Amino acid sequence: MERLVANYRTLLQQVDVGGPAQSARAKAAALTKQVLDALEGLDEESSAAEAVASWRAGSRPPC
């Protein structure tokens, strides 16, 4: 997941700063923060369902 986000970020950095990709970049950053916040406190033994529940409990639309 981290590699995907990093690759997406690199791609967005190559796009016109004033174009529509700027909005996508901001949304991607907000979603990445939401995911990292949701994963904080979970350990390696946590299930995917627990991670999703944690994300949903604290998620806010990245718009």
PDB file of N, CA and C in Angstrom:
ATOM      1  N   MET A   1       0.831  -1.189   0.000  1.00  0.00           N
ATOM      2  CA  MET A   1       0.000   0.000   0.000  1.00  0.00           C
ATOM      3  C   MET A   1       0.879   1.256   0.000  1.00  0.00           C
ATOM      4  N   GLU A   2       1.935   1.224   0.825  1.00  0.00           N
ATOM      5  CA  GLU A   2       2.817   2.382   0.900  1.00  0.00           C
ATOM      6  C   GLU A   2       3.521   2.632  -0.435  1.00  0.00           C
ATOM      7  N   ARG A   3       3.913   1.559  -1.115  1.00  0.00           N
ATOM      8  CA  ARG A   3       4.559   1.726  -2.424  1.00  0.00           C
ATOM      9  C   ARG A   3       3.583   2.313  -3.429  1.00  0.00           C
ATOM     10  N   LEU A   4       2.342   1.863  -3.386  1.00  0.00           N
ATOM     11  CA  LEU A   4       1.331   2.380  -4.302  1.00  0.00           C
ATOM     12  C   LEU A   4       1.128   3.876  -4.079  1.00  0.00           C
ATOM     13  N   VAL A   5       1.014   4.278  -2.820  1.00  0.00           N
ATOM     14  CA  VAL A   5       0.830   5.697  -2.505  1.00  0.00           C
ATOM     15  C   VAL A   5       2.053   6.494  -2.939  1.00  0.00           C
ATOM     16  N   ALA A   6       3.236   5.964  -2.688  1.00  0.00           N
ATOM     17  CA  ALA A   6       4.465   6.670  -3.075  1.00  0.00           C
ATOM     18  C   ALA A   6       4.542   6.826  -4.594  1.00  0.00           C
ATOM     19  N   ASN A   7       4.198   5.779  -5.321  1.00  0.00           N
ATOM     20  CA  ASN A   7       4.212   5.857  -6.782  1.00  0.00           C
ATOM     21  C   ASN A   7       3.175   6.856  -7.281  1.00  0.00           C
ATOM     22  N   TYR A   8       2.002   6.846  -6.670  1.00  0.00           N
ATOM     23  CA  TYR A   8       0.946   7.787  -7.047  1.00  0.00           C
ATOM     24  C   TYR A   8       1.394   9.218  -6.766  1.00  0.00           C
ATOM     25  N   ARG A   9       2.036   9.424  -5.643  1.00  0.00           N
ATOM     26  CA  ARG A   9       2.522  10.761  -5.287  1.00  0.00           C
ATOM     27  C   ARG A   9       3.550  11.232  -6.302  1.00  0.00           C
ATOM     28  N   THR A  10       4.469  10.354  -6.672  1.00  0.00           N
ATOM     29  CA  THR A  10       5.488  10.705  -7.662  1.00  0.00           C
ATOM     30  C   THR A  10       4.839  11.090  -8.988  1.00  0.00           C
ATOM     31  N   LEU A  11       3.841  10.333  -9.391  1.00  0.00           N
ATOM     32  CA  LEU A  11       3.127  10.637 -10.625  1.00  0.00           C
ATOM     33  C   LEU A  11       2.465  12.010 -10.536  1.00  0.00           C
ATOM     34  N   LEU A  12       1.806  12.280  -9.425  1.00  0.00           N
ATOM     35  CA  LEU A  12       1.118  13.559  -9.276  1.00  0.00           C
ATOM     36  C   LEU A  12       2.081  14.738  -9.252  1.00  0.00           C
ATOM     37  N   GLN A  13       3.291  14.513  -8.766  1.00  0.00           N
ATOM     38  CA  GLN A  13       4.277  15.594  -8.727  1.00  0.00           C
ATOM     39  C   GLN A  13       4.724  15.981 -10.134  1.00  0.00           C
ATOM     40  N   GLN A  14       4.550  15.084 -11.086  1.00  0.00           N
ATOM     41  CA  GLN A  14       4.948  15.347 -12.456  1.00  0.00           C
ATOM     42  C   GLN A  14       3.863  16.081 -13.246  1.00  0.00           C
ATOM     43  N   VAL A  15       2.692  16.201 -12.657  1.00  0.00           N
ATOM     44  CA  VAL A  15       1.550  16.810 -13.337  1.00  0.00           C
ATOM     45  C   VAL A  15       1.502  18.301 -13.009  1.00  0.00           C
ATOM     46  N   ASP A  16       0.906  19.060 -13.886  1.00  0.00           N
ATOM     47  CA  ASP A  16       0.759  20.502 -13.709  1.00  0.00           C
ATOM     48  C   ASP A  16       0.190  20.827 -12.333  1.00  0.00           C
ATOM     49  N   VAL A  17       0.903  21.659 -11.577  1.00  0.00           N
ATOM     50  CA  VAL A  17       0.517  22.010 -10.212  1.00  0.00           C
ATOM     51  C   VAL A  17      -0.830  22.722 -10.181  1.00  0.00           C
ATOM     52  N   GLY A  18      -1.127  23.510 -11.172  1.00  0.00           N
ATOM     53  CA  GLY A  18      -2.377  24.250 -11.191  1.00  0.00           C
ATOM     54  C   GLY A  18      -3.531  23.488 -11.812  1.00  0.00           C
ATOM     55  N   GLY A  19      -3.306  22.267 -12.256  1.00  0.00           N
ATOM     56  CA  GLY A  19      -4.332  21.494 -12.938  1.00  0.00           C
ATOM     57  C   GLY A  19      -5.199  20.690 -11.984  1.00  0.00           C
ATOM     58  N   PRO A  20      -6.098  19.897 -12.541  1.00  0.00           N
ATOM     59  CA  PRO A  20      -7.022  19.113 -11.728  1.00  0.00           C
ATOM     60  C   PRO A  20      -6.332  18.044 -10.875  1.00  0.00           C
ATOM     61  N   ALA A  21      -5.116  17.691 -11.212  1.00  0.00           N
ATOM     62  CA  ALA A  21      -4.404  16.686 -10.419  1.00  0.00           C
ATOM     63  C   ALA A  21      -4.085  17.201  -9.022  1.00  0.00           C
ATOM     64  N   GLN A  22      -4.044  18.519  -8.852  1.00  0.00           N
ATOM     65  CA  GLN A  22      -3.768  19.092  -7.528  1.00  0.00           C
ATOM     66  C   GLN A  22      -4.832  18.643  -6.525  1.00  0.00           C
ATOM     67  N   SER A  23      -6.084  18.660  -6.950  1.00  0.00           N
ATOM     68  CA  SER A  23      -7.179  18.214  -6.085  1.00  0.00           C
ATOM     69  C   SER A  23      -7.030  16.734  -5.756  1.00  0.00           C
ATOM     70  N   ALA A  24      -6.676  15.933  -6.749  1.00  0.00           N
ATOM     71  CA  ALA A  24      -6.481  14.495  -6.527  1.00  0.00           C
ATOM     72  C   ALA A  24      -5.333  14.254  -5.563  1.00  0.00           C
ATOM     73  N   ARG A  25      -4.296  15.049  -5.688  1.00  0.00           N
ATOM     74  CA  ARG A  25      -3.138  14.910  -4.793  1.00  0.00           C
ATOM     75  C   ARG A  25      -3.538  15.211  -3.343  1.00  0.00           C
ATOM     76  N   ALA A  26      -4.322  16.254  -3.141  1.00  0.00           N
ATOM     77  CA  ALA A  26      -4.779  16.605  -1.796  1.00  0.00           C
ATOM     78  C   ALA A  26      -5.669  15.510  -1.221  1.00  0.00           C
ATOM     79  N   LYS A  27      -6.550  14.958  -2.044  1.00  0.00           N
ATOM     80  CA  LYS A  27      -7.425  13.878  -1.588  1.00  0.00           C
ATOM     81  C   LYS A  27      -6.614  12.633  -1.240  1.00  0.00           C
ATOM     82  N   ALA A  28      -5.604  12.330  -2.066  1.00  0.00           N
ATOM     83  CA  ALA A  28      -4.757  11.170  -1.796  1.00  0.00           C
ATOM     84  C   ALA A  28      -3.998  11.345  -0.485  1.00  0.00           C
ATOM     85  N   ALA A  29      -3.503  12.544  -0.241  1.00  0.00           N
ATOM     86  CA  ALA A  29      -2.786  12.816   1.007  1.00  0.00           C
ATOM     87  C   ALA A  29      -3.715  12.674   2.208  1.00  0.00           C
ATOM     88  N   ALA A  30      -4.943  13.182   2.083  1.00  0.00           N
ATOM     89  CA  ALA A  30      -5.909  13.088   3.180  1.00  0.00           C
ATOM     90  C   ALA A  30      -6.285  11.630   3.446  1.00  0.00           C
ATOM     91  N   LEU A  31      -6.494  10.868   2.380  1.00  0.00           N
ATOM     92  CA  LEU A  31      -6.842   9.457   2.545  1.00  0.00           C
ATOM     93  C   LEU A  31      -5.681   8.681   3.158  1.00  0.00           C
ATOM     94  N   THR A  32      -4.465   8.988   2.727  1.00  0.00           N
ATOM     95  CA  THR A  32      -3.283   8.331   3.298  1.00  0.00           C
ATOM     96  C   THR A  32      -3.189   8.600   4.792  1.00  0.00           C
ATOM     97  N   LYS A  33      -3.441   9.838   5.197  1.00  0.00           N
ATOM     98  CA  LYS A  33      -3.408  10.169   6.622  1.00  0.00           C
ATOM     99  C   LYS A  33      -4.489   9.406   7.374  1.00  0.00           C
ATOM    100  N   GLN A  34      -5.672   9.302   6.793  1.00  0.00           N
ATOM    101  CA  GLN A  34      -6.757   8.550   7.435  1.00  0.00           C
ATOM    102  C   GLN A  34      -6.361   7.099   7.655  1.00  0.00           C
ATOM    103  N   VAL A  35      -5.761   6.502   6.641  1.00  0.00           N
ATOM    104  CA  VAL A  35      -5.349   5.099   6.743  1.00  0.00           C
ATOM    105  C   VAL A  35      -4.280   4.935   7.812  1.00  0.00           C
ATOM    106  N   LEU A  36      -3.281   5.799   7.803  1.00  0.00           N
ATOM    107  CA  LEU A  36      -2.213   5.699   8.798  1.00  0.00           C
ATOM    108  C   LEU A  36      -2.756   5.914  10.212  1.00  0.00           C
ATOM    109  N   ASP A  37      -3.683   6.861  10.369  1.00  0.00           N
ATOM    110  CA  ASP A  37      -4.298   7.091  11.677  1.00  0.00           C
ATOM    111  C   ASP A  37      -5.081   5.860  12.131  1.00  0.00           C
ATOM    112  N   ALA A  38      -5.790   5.220  11.196  1.00  0.00           N
ATOM    113  CA  ALA A  38      -6.587   4.037  11.530  1.00  0.00           C
ATOM    114  C   ALA A  38      -5.697   2.864  11.926  1.00  0.00           C
ATOM    115  N   LEU A  39      -4.539   2.765  11.306  1.00  0.00           N
ATOM    116  CA  LEU A  39      -3.638   1.646  11.594  1.00  0.00           C
ATOM    117  C   LEU A  39      -2.850   1.846  12.884  1.00  0.00           C
ATOM    118  N   GLU A  40      -2.769   3.095  13.333  1.00  0.00           N
ATOM    119  CA  GLU A  40      -2.038   3.367  14.565  1.00  0.00           C
ATOM    120  C   GLU A  40      -2.721   2.653  15.726  1.00  0.00           C
ATOM    121  N   GLY A  41      -1.953   1.980  16.504  1.00  0.00           N
ATOM    122  CA  GLY A  41      -2.494   1.267  17.657  1.00  0.00           C
ATOM    123  C   GLY A  41      -2.842  -0.185  17.358  1.00  0.00           C
ATOM    124  N   LEU A  42      -2.947  -0.550  16.076  1.00  0.00           N
ATOM    125  CA  LEU A  42      -3.188  -1.941  15.729  1.00  0.00           C
ATOM    126  C   LEU A  42      -1.841  -2.649  15.647  1.00  0.00           C
ATOM    127  N   ASP A  43      -1.825  -3.897  16.019  1.00  0.00           N
ATOM    128  CA  ASP A  43      -0.566  -4.635  15.917  1.00  0.00           C
ATOM    129  C   ASP A  43      -0.606  -5.575  14.714  1.00  0.00           C
ATOM    130  N   GLU A  44       0.483  -6.294  14.509  1.00  0.00           N
ATOM    131  CA  GLU A  44       0.595  -7.178  13.354  1.00  0.00           C
ATOM    132  C   GLU A  44      -0.414  -8.313  13.390  1.00  0.00           C
ATOM    133  N   GLU A  45      -0.929  -8.615  14.552  1.00  0.00           N
ATOM    134  CA  GLU A  45      -1.897  -9.702  14.705  1.00  0.00           C
ATOM    135  C   GLU A  45      -3.326  -9.252  14.391  1.00  0.00           C
ATOM    136  N   SER A  46      -3.539  -7.953  14.224  1.00  0.00           N
ATOM    137  CA  SER A  46      -4.874  -7.441  13.935  1.00  0.00           C
ATOM    138  C   SER A  46      -5.338  -7.920  12.567  1.00  0.00           C
ATOM    139  N   SER A  47      -6.622  -8.196  12.475  1.00  0.00           N
ATOM    140  CA  SER A  47      -7.178  -8.660  11.204  1.00  0.00           C
ATOM    141  C   SER A  47      -7.486  -7.486  10.287  1.00  0.00           C
ATOM    142  N   ALA A  48      -7.712  -7.814   9.032  1.00  0.00           N
ATOM    143  CA  ALA A  48      -8.105  -6.784   8.070  1.00  0.00           C
ATOM    144  C   ALA A  48      -9.431  -6.163   8.483  1.00  0.00           C
ATOM    145  N   ALA A  49     -10.331  -6.970   9.030  1.00  0.00           N
ATOM    146  CA  ALA A  49     -11.627  -6.461   9.475  1.00  0.00           C
ATOM    147  C   ALA A  49     -11.453  -5.432  10.591  1.00  0.00           C
ATOM    148  N   GLU A  50     -10.520  -5.670  11.498  1.00  0.00           N
ATOM    149  CA  GLU A  50     -10.251  -4.710  12.574  1.00  0.00           C
ATOM    150  C   GLU A  50      -9.688  -3.404  12.006  1.00  0.00           C
ATOM    151  N   ALA A  51      -8.820  -3.512  11.013  1.00  0.00           N
ATOM    152  CA  ALA A  51      -8.247  -2.319  10.390  1.00  0.00           C
ATOM    153  C   ALA A  51      -9.337  -1.511   9.690  1.00  0.00           C
ATOM    154  N   VAL A  52     -10.222  -2.191   8.971  1.00  0.00           N
ATOM    155  CA  VAL A  52     -11.313  -1.498   8.274  1.00  0.00           C
ATOM    156  C   VAL A  52     -12.253  -0.850   9.284  1.00  0.00           C
ATOM    157  N   ALA A  53     -12.576  -1.572  10.356  1.00  0.00           N
ATOM    158  CA  ALA A  53     -13.457  -1.011  11.379  1.00  0.00           C
ATOM    159  C   ALA A  53     -12.835   0.227  12.015  1.00  0.00           C
ATOM    160  N   SER A  54     -11.545   0.182  12.259  1.00  0.00           N
ATOM    161  CA  SER A  54     -10.850   1.333  12.837  1.00  0.00           C
ATOM    162  C   SER A  54     -10.872   2.514  11.879  1.00  0.00           C
ATOM    163  N   TRP A  55     -10.656   2.241  10.582  1.00  0.00           N
ATOM    164  CA  TRP A  55     -10.686   3.302   9.576  1.00  0.00           C
ATOM    165  C   TRP A  55     -12.082   3.912   9.475  1.00  0.00           C
ATOM    166  N   ARG A  56     -13.094   3.067   9.426  1.00  0.00           N
ATOM    167  CA  ARG A  56     -14.469   3.569   9.307  1.00  0.00           C
ATOM    168  C   ARG A  56     -14.881   4.374  10.546  1.00  0.00           C
ATOM    169  N   ALA A  57     -14.438   3.959  11.695  1.00  0.00           N
ATOM    170  CA  ALA A  57     -14.809   4.656  12.936  1.00  0.00           C
ATOM    171  C   ALA A  57     -14.249   6.070  12.970  1.00  0.00           C
ATOM    172  N   GLY A  58     -13.097   6.269  12.363  1.00  0.00           N
ATOM    173  CA  GLY A  58     -12.481   7.590  12.431  1.00  0.00           C
ATOM    174  C   GLY A  58     -12.397   8.290  11.098  1.00  0.00           C
ATOM    175  N   SER A  59     -12.997   7.708  10.064  1.00  0.00           N
ATOM    176  CA  SER A  59     -12.831   8.297   8.729  1.00  0.00           C
ATOM    177  C   SER A  59     -13.687   9.532   8.526  1.00  0.00           C
ATOM    178  N   ARG A  60     -13.133  10.438   7.783  1.00  0.00           N
ATOM    179  CA  ARG A  60     -13.816  11.638   7.335  1.00  0.00           C
ATOM    180  C   ARG A  60     -13.577  11.734   5.833  1.00  0.00           C
ATOM    181  N   PRO A  61     -14.533  12.176   5.077  1.00  0.00           N
ATOM    182  CA  PRO A  61     -14.291  12.284   3.630  1.00  0.00           C
ATOM    183  C   PRO A  61     -13.096  13.186   3.345  1.00  0.00           C
ATOM    184  N   PRO A  62     -12.178  12.755   2.466  1.00  0.00           N
ATOM    185  CA  PRO A  62     -10.980  13.541   2.188  1.00  0.00           C
ATOM    186  C   PRO A  62     -11.236  14.711   1.266  1.00  0.00           C
ATOM    187  N   CYS A  63     -12.461  15.102   1.065  1.00  0.00           N
ATOM    188  CA  CYS A  63     -12.797  16.208   0.152  1.00  0.00           C
ATOM    189  C   CYS A  63     -12.641  17.539   0.827  1.00  0.00           C
TER     190      CYS A  63
END
